Amino acid sequence: MTETNPSIETKLKNTIRTVPDFPQPGINFFDITTLLADAEGFALACQAMADPYREQHIDLVVGAESRGFIFGAAVARELDVGFIPVRKPGKLPAQTIVEEYELEYGTDKLEMHADAIQKGQRILMVDDLLATGGTMQAACRMVETLGGVIVGISFLIELTFLPGRAKLAKYDLHCLLAYDSE
């Protein structure tokens, strides 16, 4: 994991609103919409998410629906590379590959175009939040199924009290902000 500059961390955390008792009592929701509305904060976050990978010869950035689209596309622009979306089933128009993953209560699926990644391409995975790690783990499996090489994973926020990091232990993880409790 790459360390974040404390002043950047403070600036970014100051742009994120904490909403208590959402979506249920006892949960603090870290609302990034206030970060997205702050042009300087959003730019700083995207730059900092891209920085550890600027010299890594990234070919493409992959991000999952929906907030992974926001940060993934912006980080791709920072790195001057293309962006590949990972979507919920039935949203992509061409042939897809599908990956099922575990939720707290059940399963879900993600899809990616079957021709989105060529064998050997160097991929940076991007999302806004690392919680349980299930969505990112599924997205990584799709990339690897297509022959992509995952150089790293960049998250805006990590909820360190949840087990996401363990599911992604084989990858280089870069998390800008850590929240240690709900």
N, C-alpha and C. Protein backbone atom coordinates (compact mmCIF):
# COMPACT_ATOMS: atom_id res chain seq x y z
N MET A 1 0.85 -1.19 0.00
CA MET A 1 0.00 0.00 0.00
C MET A 1 0.88 1.23 0.00
N THR A 2 0.54 2.18 -0.82
CA THR A 2 1.27 3.44 -0.89
C THR A 2 0.74 4.38 0.19
N GLU A 3 1.63 5.09 0.83
CA GLU A 3 1.23 6.05 1.85
C GLU A 3 0.72 7.33 1.19
N THR A 4 -0.29 7.94 1.80
CA THR A 4 -0.85 9.18 1.32
C THR A 4 -0.27 10.34 2.11
N ASN A 5 0.04 11.42 1.41
CA ASN A 5 0.52 12.65 2.04
C ASN A 5 -0.54 13.11 3.05
N PRO A 6 -0.16 13.33 4.32
CA PRO A 6 -1.14 13.72 5.34
C PRO A 6 -1.93 14.97 4.99
N SER A 7 -1.31 15.94 4.33
CA SER A 7 -2.05 17.15 3.99
C SER A 7 -3.09 16.88 2.91
N ILE A 8 -2.78 15.99 1.97
CA ILE A 8 -3.77 15.60 0.95
C ILE A 8 -4.91 14.85 1.62
N GLU A 9 -4.56 13.94 2.52
CA GLU A 9 -5.59 13.17 3.23
C GLU A 9 -6.53 14.09 3.99
N THR A 10 -5.98 15.06 4.69
CA THR A 10 -6.80 16.00 5.46
C THR A 10 -7.69 16.82 4.53
N LYS A 11 -7.13 17.34 3.44
CA LYS A 11 -7.93 18.13 2.49
C LYS A 11 -9.09 17.30 1.94
N LEU A 12 -8.80 16.07 1.55
CA LEU A 12 -9.84 15.24 0.97
C LEU A 12 -10.90 14.84 1.99
N LYS A 13 -10.47 14.44 3.17
CA LYS A 13 -11.45 14.07 4.20
C LYS A 13 -12.35 15.25 4.55
N ASN A 14 -11.81 16.47 4.47
CA ASN A 14 -12.62 17.66 4.75
C ASN A 14 -13.68 17.93 3.68
N THR A 15 -13.54 17.30 2.52
CA THR A 15 -14.56 17.48 1.47
C THR A 15 -15.59 16.36 1.46
N ILE A 16 -15.43 15.36 2.31
CA ILE A 16 -16.36 14.23 2.36
C ILE A 16 -17.29 14.39 3.56
N ARG A 17 -18.58 14.34 3.26
CA ARG A 17 -19.60 14.49 4.30
C ARG A 17 -19.87 13.13 4.95
N THR A 18 -19.95 13.10 6.27
CA THR A 18 -20.34 11.90 7.00
C THR A 18 -21.82 12.01 7.34
N VAL A 19 -22.59 11.01 6.90
CA VAL A 19 -24.03 10.99 7.16
C VAL A 19 -24.29 9.87 8.18
N PRO A 20 -24.64 10.24 9.42
CA PRO A 20 -24.87 9.21 10.43
C PRO A 20 -26.17 8.43 10.17
N ASP A 21 -26.15 7.18 10.58
CA ASP A 21 -27.33 6.32 10.53
C ASP A 21 -27.89 6.13 9.12
N PHE A 22 -26.99 6.05 8.13
CA PHE A 22 -27.40 5.76 6.76
C PHE A 22 -26.50 4.67 6.20
N PRO A 23 -27.03 3.65 5.61
CA PRO A 23 -28.44 3.41 5.25
C PRO A 23 -29.26 2.77 6.37
N GLN A 24 -28.60 2.54 7.52
CA GLN A 24 -29.33 2.00 8.68
C GLN A 24 -28.71 2.52 9.95
N PRO A 25 -29.43 2.46 11.07
CA PRO A 25 -28.91 2.97 12.34
C PRO A 25 -27.55 2.33 12.68
N GLY A 26 -26.65 3.17 13.18
CA GLY A 26 -25.33 2.70 13.60
C GLY A 26 -24.27 2.76 12.51
N ILE A 27 -24.65 3.05 11.28
CA ILE A 27 -23.71 3.12 10.16
C ILE A 27 -23.45 4.59 9.84
N ASN A 28 -22.17 4.94 9.71
CA ASN A 28 -21.79 6.25 9.19
C ASN A 28 -21.50 6.09 7.71
N PHE A 29 -22.20 6.84 6.88
CA PHE A 29 -22.02 6.78 5.43
C PHE A 29 -21.09 7.91 5.03
N PHE A 30 -20.00 7.57 4.33
CA PHE A 30 -19.05 8.58 3.87
C PHE A 30 -19.46 9.00 2.47
N ASP A 31 -20.12 10.15 2.40
CA ASP A 31 -20.75 10.65 1.19
C ASP A 31 -19.75 11.42 0.33
N ILE A 32 -19.38 10.83 -0.82
CA ILE A 32 -18.39 11.47 -1.69
C ILE A 32 -19.00 12.49 -2.63
N THR A 33 -20.32 12.66 -2.63
CA THR A 33 -20.90 13.65 -3.54
C THR A 33 -20.40 15.06 -3.25
N THR A 34 -20.06 15.32 -2.00
CA THR A 34 -19.51 16.64 -1.66
C THR A 34 -18.09 16.79 -2.19
N LEU A 35 -17.33 15.70 -2.24
CA LEU A 35 -16.00 15.72 -2.86
C LEU A 35 -16.13 15.96 -4.36
N LEU A 36 -17.06 15.25 -4.99
CA LEU A 36 -17.26 15.40 -6.43
C LEU A 36 -17.67 16.82 -6.81
N ALA A 37 -18.40 17.49 -5.94
CA ALA A 37 -18.86 18.86 -6.21
C ALA A 37 -17.76 19.89 -6.00
N ASP A 38 -16.69 19.51 -5.37
CA ASP A 38 -15.57 20.40 -5.09
C ASP A 38 -14.51 20.19 -6.17
N ALA A 39 -14.42 21.10 -7.12
CA ALA A 39 -13.54 20.92 -8.28
C ALA A 39 -12.09 20.67 -7.86
N GLU A 40 -11.60 21.43 -6.91
CA GLU A 40 -10.22 21.26 -6.45
C GLU A 40 -10.03 19.91 -5.76
N GLY A 41 -10.97 19.54 -4.90
CA GLY A 41 -10.88 18.27 -4.19
C GLY A 41 -10.97 17.08 -5.13
N PHE A 42 -11.88 17.14 -6.10
CA PHE A 42 -12.04 16.05 -7.06
C PHE A 42 -10.77 15.90 -7.90
N ALA A 43 -10.24 17.01 -8.37
CA ALA A 43 -9.01 16.96 -9.16
C ALA A 43 -7.85 16.40 -8.33
N LEU A 44 -7.73 16.84 -7.09
CA LEU A 44 -6.68 16.37 -6.21
C LEU A 44 -6.80 14.86 -5.97
N ALA A 45 -8.02 14.38 -5.74
CA ALA A 45 -8.25 12.95 -5.51
C ALA A 45 -7.85 12.13 -6.73
N CYS A 46 -8.27 12.55 -7.91
CA CYS A 46 -7.95 11.80 -9.13
C CYS A 46 -6.46 11.80 -9.42
N GLN A 47 -5.82 12.93 -9.21
CA GLN A 47 -4.37 13.01 -9.40
C GLN A 47 -3.66 12.08 -8.42
N ALA A 48 -4.06 12.11 -7.15
CA ALA A 48 -3.41 11.28 -6.13
C ALA A 48 -3.68 9.79 -6.36
N MET A 49 -4.85 9.45 -6.90
CA MET A 49 -5.14 8.05 -7.20
C MET A 49 -4.29 7.55 -8.36
N ALA A 50 -3.94 8.43 -9.28
CA ALA A 50 -3.13 8.07 -10.44
C ALA A 50 -1.63 8.09 -10.16
N ASP A 51 -1.20 8.95 -9.26
CA ASP A 51 0.24 9.19 -9.05
C ASP A 51 1.10 7.94 -8.89
N PRO A 52 0.72 6.95 -8.08
CA PRO A 52 1.62 5.80 -7.90
C PRO A 52 1.81 4.96 -9.16
N TYR A 53 0.99 5.21 -10.17
CA TYR A 53 1.00 4.37 -11.37
C TYR A 53 1.46 5.12 -12.62
N ARG A 54 1.91 6.35 -12.47
CA ARG A 54 2.30 7.16 -13.63
C ARG A 54 3.47 6.56 -14.41
N GLU A 55 4.37 5.89 -13.75
CA GLU A 55 5.54 5.30 -14.42
C GLU A 55 5.40 3.78 -14.58
N GLN A 56 4.20 3.27 -14.48
CA GLN A 56 3.96 1.83 -14.52
C GLN A 56 3.52 1.33 -15.89
N HIS A 57 3.51 2.18 -16.90
CA HIS A 57 3.16 1.79 -18.27
C HIS A 57 1.77 1.15 -18.35
N ILE A 58 0.81 1.83 -17.75
CA ILE A 58 -0.59 1.37 -17.76
C ILE A 58 -1.14 1.50 -19.18
N ASP A 59 -1.87 0.49 -19.63
CA ASP A 59 -2.54 0.54 -20.94
C ASP A 59 -3.99 0.98 -20.82
N LEU A 60 -4.68 0.51 -19.78
CA LEU A 60 -6.10 0.80 -19.60
C LEU A 60 -6.43 0.89 -18.12
N VAL A 61 -7.48 1.65 -17.82
CA VAL A 61 -8.05 1.69 -16.48
C VAL A 61 -9.41 1.01 -16.55
N VAL A 62 -9.71 0.18 -15.56
CA VAL A 62 -11.00 -0.52 -15.46
C VAL A 62 -11.69 -0.04 -14.19
N GLY A 63 -12.98 0.30 -14.31
CA GLY A 63 -13.77 0.71 -13.16
C GLY A 63 -15.16 0.12 -13.22
N ALA A 64 -15.69 -0.23 -12.05
CA ALA A 64 -17.01 -0.86 -11.96
C ALA A 64 -18.10 0.16 -11.68
N GLU A 65 -19.25 -0.15 -12.18
CA GLU A 65 -20.45 0.65 -11.99
C GLU A 65 -20.70 0.87 -10.50
N SER A 66 -21.07 1.97 -10.03
CA SER A 66 -21.25 3.20 -10.78
C SER A 66 -20.19 4.24 -10.44
N ARG A 67 -19.79 4.31 -9.19
CA ARG A 67 -18.80 5.34 -8.84
C ARG A 67 -17.41 5.01 -9.35
N GLY A 68 -17.16 3.75 -9.66
CA GLY A 68 -15.90 3.39 -10.32
C GLY A 68 -15.79 4.02 -11.69
N PHE A 69 -16.95 4.31 -12.32
CA PHE A 69 -16.94 5.02 -13.60
C PHE A 69 -16.41 6.43 -13.41
N ILE A 70 -16.86 7.09 -12.35
CA ILE A 70 -16.48 8.48 -12.11
C ILE A 70 -14.97 8.59 -11.91
N PHE A 71 -14.46 7.82 -10.95
CA PHE A 71 -13.04 7.92 -10.64
C PHE A 71 -12.18 7.22 -11.69
N GLY A 72 -12.65 6.10 -12.22
CA GLY A 72 -11.88 5.37 -13.22
C GLY A 72 -11.65 6.19 -14.48
N ALA A 73 -12.69 6.83 -14.99
CA ALA A 73 -12.54 7.64 -16.19
C ALA A 73 -11.62 8.83 -15.94
N ALA A 74 -11.74 9.45 -14.79
CA ALA A 74 -10.89 10.61 -14.47
C ALA A 74 -9.43 10.18 -14.29
N VAL A 75 -9.20 9.04 -13.65
CA VAL A 75 -7.84 8.54 -13.49
C VAL A 75 -7.26 8.13 -14.84
N ALA A 76 -8.07 7.53 -15.70
CA ALA A 76 -7.62 7.19 -17.06
C ALA A 76 -7.17 8.45 -17.78
N ARG A 77 -7.92 9.52 -17.64
CA ARG A 77 -7.55 10.79 -18.27
C ARG A 77 -6.23 11.30 -17.69
N GLU A 78 -6.06 11.18 -16.39
CA GLU A 78 -4.81 11.58 -15.74
C GLU A 78 -3.62 10.82 -16.32
N LEU A 79 -3.83 9.54 -16.64
CA LEU A 79 -2.75 8.68 -17.13
C LEU A 79 -2.67 8.66 -18.66
N ASP A 80 -3.60 9.36 -19.31
CA ASP A 80 -3.64 9.43 -20.78
C ASP A 80 -3.82 8.04 -21.41
N VAL A 81 -4.75 7.27 -20.82
CA VAL A 81 -5.07 5.93 -21.34
C VAL A 81 -6.58 5.80 -21.45
N GLY A 82 -7.03 4.70 -22.03
CA GLY A 82 -8.45 4.44 -22.17
C GLY A 82 -9.08 3.90 -20.90
N PHE A 83 -10.42 3.87 -20.91
CA PHE A 83 -11.20 3.40 -19.77
C PHE A 83 -12.13 2.28 -20.21
N ILE A 84 -12.21 1.23 -19.39
CA ILE A 84 -13.10 0.09 -19.65
C ILE A 84 -14.12 0.00 -18.52
N PRO A 85 -15.43 0.04 -18.85
CA PRO A 85 -16.44 -0.09 -17.81
C PRO A 85 -16.79 -1.54 -17.51
N VAL A 86 -17.02 -1.81 -16.23
CA VAL A 86 -17.59 -3.07 -15.78
C VAL A 86 -19.00 -2.75 -15.34
N ARG A 87 -19.98 -3.49 -15.90
CA ARG A 87 -21.38 -3.14 -15.70
C ARG A 87 -22.17 -4.26 -15.03
N LYS A 88 -23.34 -3.90 -14.56
CA LYS A 88 -24.30 -4.89 -14.10
C LYS A 88 -24.87 -5.61 -15.33
N PRO A 89 -25.41 -6.81 -15.16
CA PRO A 89 -25.86 -7.61 -16.31
C PRO A 89 -26.88 -6.88 -17.19
N GLY A 90 -26.72 -7.13 -18.50
CA GLY A 90 -27.68 -6.62 -19.47
C GLY A 90 -27.48 -5.18 -19.90
N LYS A 91 -26.40 -4.54 -19.51
CA LYS A 91 -26.18 -3.12 -19.82
C LYS A 91 -25.20 -2.90 -20.98
N LEU A 92 -24.41 -3.91 -21.33
CA LEU A 92 -23.43 -3.75 -22.40
C LEU A 92 -23.96 -4.36 -23.69
N PRO A 93 -23.76 -3.69 -24.84
CA PRO A 93 -24.41 -4.10 -26.08
C PRO A 93 -23.73 -5.24 -26.85
N ALA A 94 -22.46 -5.47 -26.66
CA ALA A 94 -21.76 -6.51 -27.43
C ALA A 94 -21.56 -7.74 -26.55
N GLN A 95 -20.85 -8.74 -27.11
CA GLN A 95 -20.60 -9.97 -26.36
C GLN A 95 -19.85 -9.67 -25.07
N THR A 96 -20.27 -10.31 -23.98
CA THR A 96 -19.67 -10.05 -22.68
C THR A 96 -19.16 -11.34 -22.02
N ILE A 97 -18.31 -11.14 -21.03
CA ILE A 97 -18.00 -12.21 -20.09
C ILE A 97 -18.68 -11.83 -18.78
N VAL A 98 -19.01 -12.82 -17.97
CA VAL A 98 -19.78 -12.60 -16.75
C VAL A 98 -19.02 -13.20 -15.57
N GLU A 99 -19.07 -12.49 -14.46
CA GLU A 99 -18.46 -13.00 -13.22
C GLU A 99 -19.45 -12.83 -12.09
N GLU A 100 -19.71 -13.91 -11.37
CA GLU A 100 -20.59 -13.86 -10.21
C GLU A 100 -19.75 -13.65 -8.96
N TYR A 101 -20.31 -12.94 -7.99
CA TYR A 101 -19.59 -12.71 -6.74
C TYR A 101 -20.56 -12.70 -5.57
N GLU A 102 -20.00 -12.91 -4.38
CA GLU A 102 -20.78 -13.01 -3.16
C GLU A 102 -21.11 -11.64 -2.59
N LEU A 103 -22.36 -11.50 -2.16
CA LEU A 103 -22.81 -10.35 -1.39
C LEU A 103 -23.01 -10.81 0.06
N GLU A 104 -23.32 -9.86 0.92
CA GLU A 104 -23.57 -10.24 2.31
C GLU A 104 -24.72 -11.25 2.39
N TYR A 105 -25.76 -11.06 1.58
CA TYR A 105 -26.91 -11.96 1.56
C TYR A 105 -27.21 -12.35 0.13
N GLY A 106 -26.42 -13.26 -0.44
CA GLY A 106 -26.68 -13.73 -1.79
C GLY A 106 -25.52 -13.48 -2.72
N THR A 107 -25.84 -13.39 -4.02
CA THR A 107 -24.82 -13.18 -5.05
C THR A 107 -25.29 -12.11 -6.02
N ASP A 108 -24.34 -11.62 -6.81
CA ASP A 108 -24.63 -10.69 -7.88
C ASP A 108 -23.68 -11.01 -9.02
N LYS A 109 -23.85 -10.32 -10.15
CA LYS A 109 -23.01 -10.55 -11.32
C LYS A 109 -22.53 -9.23 -11.89
N LEU A 110 -21.38 -9.29 -12.55
CA LEU A 110 -20.83 -8.17 -13.30
C LEU A 110 -20.49 -8.66 -14.70
N GLU A 111 -20.47 -7.72 -15.65
CA GLU A 111 -20.11 -8.05 -17.03
C GLU A 111 -19.10 -7.05 -17.57
N MET A 112 -18.34 -7.54 -18.54
CA MET A 112 -17.37 -6.72 -19.27
C MET A 112 -17.40 -7.20 -20.71
N HIS A 113 -17.20 -6.29 -21.65
CA HIS A 113 -17.12 -6.71 -23.04
C HIS A 113 -15.98 -7.73 -23.21
N ALA A 114 -16.27 -8.78 -23.97
CA ALA A 114 -15.31 -9.87 -24.15
C ALA A 114 -14.06 -9.42 -24.91
N ASP A 115 -14.17 -8.33 -25.66
CA ASP A 115 -13.02 -7.84 -26.42
C ASP A 115 -12.40 -6.57 -25.82
N ALA A 116 -12.73 -6.27 -24.56
CA ALA A 116 -12.29 -5.02 -23.94
C ALA A 116 -10.79 -4.99 -23.65
N ILE A 117 -10.21 -6.14 -23.38
CA ILE A 117 -8.81 -6.20 -22.97
C ILE A 117 -8.11 -7.26 -23.79
N GLN A 118 -6.93 -6.91 -24.25
CA GLN A 118 -6.10 -7.84 -25.00
C GLN A 118 -5.07 -8.48 -24.08
N LYS A 119 -4.69 -9.70 -24.39
CA LYS A 119 -3.73 -10.43 -23.58
C LYS A 119 -2.45 -9.60 -23.40
N GLY A 120 -2.01 -9.51 -22.14
CA GLY A 120 -0.78 -8.80 -21.82
C GLY A 120 -0.94 -7.32 -21.53
N GLN A 121 -2.11 -6.74 -21.79
CA GLN A 121 -2.29 -5.31 -21.48
C GLN A 121 -2.19 -5.10 -19.97
N ARG A 122 -1.57 -3.97 -19.63
CA ARG A 122 -1.33 -3.62 -18.23
C ARG A 122 -2.50 -2.76 -17.74
N ILE A 123 -3.16 -3.25 -16.69
CA ILE A 123 -4.43 -2.69 -16.24
C ILE A 123 -4.32 -2.12 -14.84
N LEU A 124 -4.89 -0.92 -14.67
CA LEU A 124 -5.09 -0.34 -13.35
C LEU A 124 -6.57 -0.41 -13.04
N MET A 125 -6.91 -1.02 -11.93
CA MET A 125 -8.28 -1.11 -11.46
C MET A 125 -8.55 0.08 -10.54
N VAL A 126 -9.74 0.71 -10.67
CA VAL A 126 -10.05 1.90 -9.88
C VAL A 126 -11.49 1.81 -9.37
N ASP A 127 -11.66 2.19 -8.11
CA ASP A 127 -13.00 2.32 -7.55
C ASP A 127 -12.96 3.34 -6.42
N ASP A 128 -14.14 3.74 -5.98
CA ASP A 128 -14.21 4.74 -4.93
C ASP A 128 -14.00 4.15 -3.54
N LEU A 129 -14.45 2.89 -3.33
CA LEU A 129 -14.52 2.37 -1.97
C LEU A 129 -14.11 0.91 -1.90
N LEU A 130 -13.22 0.61 -0.97
CA LEU A 130 -12.89 -0.77 -0.64
C LEU A 130 -13.56 -1.10 0.69
N ALA A 131 -14.56 -1.98 0.62
CA ALA A 131 -15.27 -2.43 1.82
C ALA A 131 -15.02 -3.93 1.98
N THR A 132 -15.90 -4.75 1.43
CA THR A 132 -15.71 -6.21 1.53
C THR A 132 -14.82 -6.76 0.43
N GLY A 133 -14.63 -6.01 -0.65
CA GLY A 133 -13.74 -6.43 -1.73
C GLY A 133 -14.36 -7.31 -2.79
N GLY A 134 -15.61 -7.70 -2.63
CA GLY A 134 -16.25 -8.63 -3.56
C GLY A 134 -16.38 -8.11 -4.98
N THR A 135 -16.80 -6.88 -5.13
CA THR A 135 -16.96 -6.31 -6.47
C THR A 135 -15.62 -6.22 -7.18
N MET A 136 -14.62 -5.70 -6.51
CA MET A 136 -13.30 -5.56 -7.14
C MET A 136 -12.69 -6.91 -7.43
N GLN A 137 -12.85 -7.86 -6.54
CA GLN A 137 -12.33 -9.20 -6.77
C GLN A 137 -12.94 -9.80 -8.04
N ALA A 138 -14.23 -9.63 -8.23
CA ALA A 138 -14.91 -10.14 -9.43
C ALA A 138 -14.41 -9.42 -10.68
N ALA A 139 -14.24 -8.11 -10.59
CA ALA A 139 -13.74 -7.35 -11.74
C ALA A 139 -12.32 -7.79 -12.10
N CYS A 140 -11.50 -8.04 -11.10
CA CYS A 140 -10.13 -8.51 -11.34
C CYS A 140 -10.13 -9.88 -12.01
N ARG A 141 -11.01 -10.76 -11.60
CA ARG A 141 -11.09 -12.08 -12.23
C ARG A 141 -11.44 -11.95 -13.71
N MET A 142 -12.34 -11.03 -14.07
CA MET A 142 -12.67 -10.84 -15.48
C MET A 142 -11.47 -10.34 -16.27
N VAL A 143 -10.77 -9.37 -15.73
CA VAL A 143 -9.58 -8.84 -16.40
C VAL A 143 -8.57 -9.96 -16.63
N GLU A 144 -8.33 -10.74 -15.63
CA GLU A 144 -7.36 -11.83 -15.74
C GLU A 144 -7.85 -12.93 -16.69
N THR A 145 -9.14 -13.19 -16.73
CA THR A 145 -9.70 -14.15 -17.67
C THR A 145 -9.41 -13.73 -19.11
N LEU A 146 -9.45 -12.42 -19.36
CA LEU A 146 -9.17 -11.90 -20.70
C LEU A 146 -7.68 -11.76 -20.98
N GLY A 147 -6.84 -12.07 -20.00
CA GLY A 147 -5.39 -12.03 -20.21
C GLY A 147 -4.74 -10.73 -19.79
N GLY A 148 -5.49 -9.84 -19.16
CA GLY A 148 -4.92 -8.60 -18.68
C GLY A 148 -4.02 -8.82 -17.47
N VAL A 149 -3.03 -7.95 -17.32
CA VAL A 149 -2.11 -7.99 -16.18
C VAL A 149 -2.47 -6.84 -15.26
N ILE A 150 -2.91 -7.15 -14.07
CA ILE A 150 -3.31 -6.11 -13.13
C ILE A 150 -2.07 -5.57 -12.43
N VAL A 151 -1.78 -4.31 -12.73
CA VAL A 151 -0.61 -3.64 -12.17
C VAL A 151 -0.91 -3.17 -10.75
N GLY A 152 -2.13 -2.76 -10.50
CA GLY A 152 -2.51 -2.29 -9.18
C GLY A 152 -3.97 -1.95 -9.12
N ILE A 153 -4.40 -1.62 -7.90
CA ILE A 153 -5.78 -1.20 -7.65
C ILE A 153 -5.72 0.08 -6.83
N SER A 154 -6.42 1.10 -7.29
CA SER A 154 -6.43 2.38 -6.61
C SER A 154 -7.85 2.70 -6.13
N PHE A 155 -7.97 2.91 -4.82
CA PHE A 155 -9.25 3.27 -4.21
C PHE A 155 -9.15 4.66 -3.60
N LEU A 156 -10.25 5.38 -3.60
CA LEU A 156 -10.33 6.64 -2.88
C LEU A 156 -10.36 6.36 -1.37
N ILE A 157 -11.26 5.44 -0.96
CA ILE A 157 -11.50 5.18 0.46
C ILE A 157 -11.36 3.69 0.75
N GLU A 158 -10.75 3.38 1.88
CA GLU A 158 -10.76 2.01 2.41
C GLU A 158 -11.42 2.03 3.78
N LEU A 159 -12.40 1.15 3.96
CA LEU A 159 -12.98 0.93 5.28
C LEU A 159 -12.17 -0.20 5.91
N THR A 160 -11.21 0.18 6.74
CA THR A 160 -10.23 -0.78 7.24
C THR A 160 -10.82 -1.78 8.23
N PHE A 161 -12.01 -1.51 8.74
CA PHE A 161 -12.65 -2.43 9.67
C PHE A 161 -13.41 -3.55 8.96
N LEU A 162 -13.41 -3.53 7.63
CA LEU A 162 -14.02 -4.59 6.83
C LEU A 162 -12.93 -5.39 6.12
N PRO A 163 -13.24 -6.61 5.65
CA PRO A 163 -12.19 -7.53 5.18
C PRO A 163 -11.76 -7.38 3.72
N GLY A 164 -12.04 -6.27 3.08
CA GLY A 164 -11.73 -6.13 1.66
C GLY A 164 -10.27 -6.32 1.30
N ARG A 165 -9.38 -5.78 2.10
CA ARG A 165 -7.95 -5.87 1.81
C ARG A 165 -7.49 -7.32 1.71
N ALA A 166 -8.01 -8.19 2.56
CA ALA A 166 -7.60 -9.60 2.55
C ALA A 166 -7.98 -10.28 1.24
N LYS A 167 -9.13 -9.93 0.67
CA LYS A 167 -9.56 -10.53 -0.59
C LYS A 167 -8.69 -10.10 -1.76
N LEU A 168 -8.03 -8.97 -1.63
CA LEU A 168 -7.24 -8.41 -2.72
C LEU A 168 -5.75 -8.42 -2.40
N ALA A 169 -5.34 -9.26 -1.47
CA ALA A 169 -3.97 -9.26 -0.94
C ALA A 169 -2.90 -9.50 -2.00
N LYS A 170 -3.23 -10.18 -3.08
CA LYS A 170 -2.20 -10.47 -4.09
C LYS A 170 -1.90 -9.29 -5.01
N TYR A 171 -2.64 -8.20 -4.86
CA TYR A 171 -2.46 -7.03 -5.72
C TYR A 171 -1.81 -5.87 -4.97
N ASP A 172 -1.19 -4.97 -5.73
CA ASP A 172 -0.69 -3.72 -5.18
C ASP A 172 -1.89 -2.82 -4.94
N LEU A 173 -2.16 -2.49 -3.68
CA LEU A 173 -3.31 -1.65 -3.33
C LEU A 173 -2.83 -0.26 -2.94
N HIS A 174 -3.52 0.72 -3.48
CA HIS A 174 -3.28 2.11 -3.11
C HIS A 174 -4.62 2.69 -2.67
N CYS A 175 -4.73 3.05 -1.40
CA CYS A 175 -5.96 3.63 -0.85
C CYS A 175 -5.62 5.02 -0.31
N LEU A 176 -6.29 6.03 -0.83
CA LEU A 176 -5.99 7.40 -0.39
C LEU A 176 -6.40 7.67 1.04
N LEU A 177 -7.61 7.25 1.37
CA LEU A 177 -8.18 7.59 2.69
C LEU A 177 -8.59 6.32 3.42
N ALA A 178 -8.31 6.26 4.70
CA ALA A 178 -8.71 5.12 5.52
C ALA A 178 -9.67 5.60 6.59
N TYR A 179 -10.74 4.84 6.75
CA TYR A 179 -11.68 5.07 7.84
C TYR A 179 -11.66 3.80 8.69
N ASP A 180 -11.37 3.95 9.99
CA ASP A 180 -11.14 2.82 10.87
C ASP A 180 -12.35 2.33 11.63
N SER A 181 -13.49 3.04 11.53
CA SER A 181 -14.68 2.59 12.23
C SER A 181 -15.91 3.10 11.50
N GLU A 182 -17.05 2.46 11.84
CA GLU A 182 -18.32 2.83 11.20
C GLU A 182 -18.82 4.16 11.70
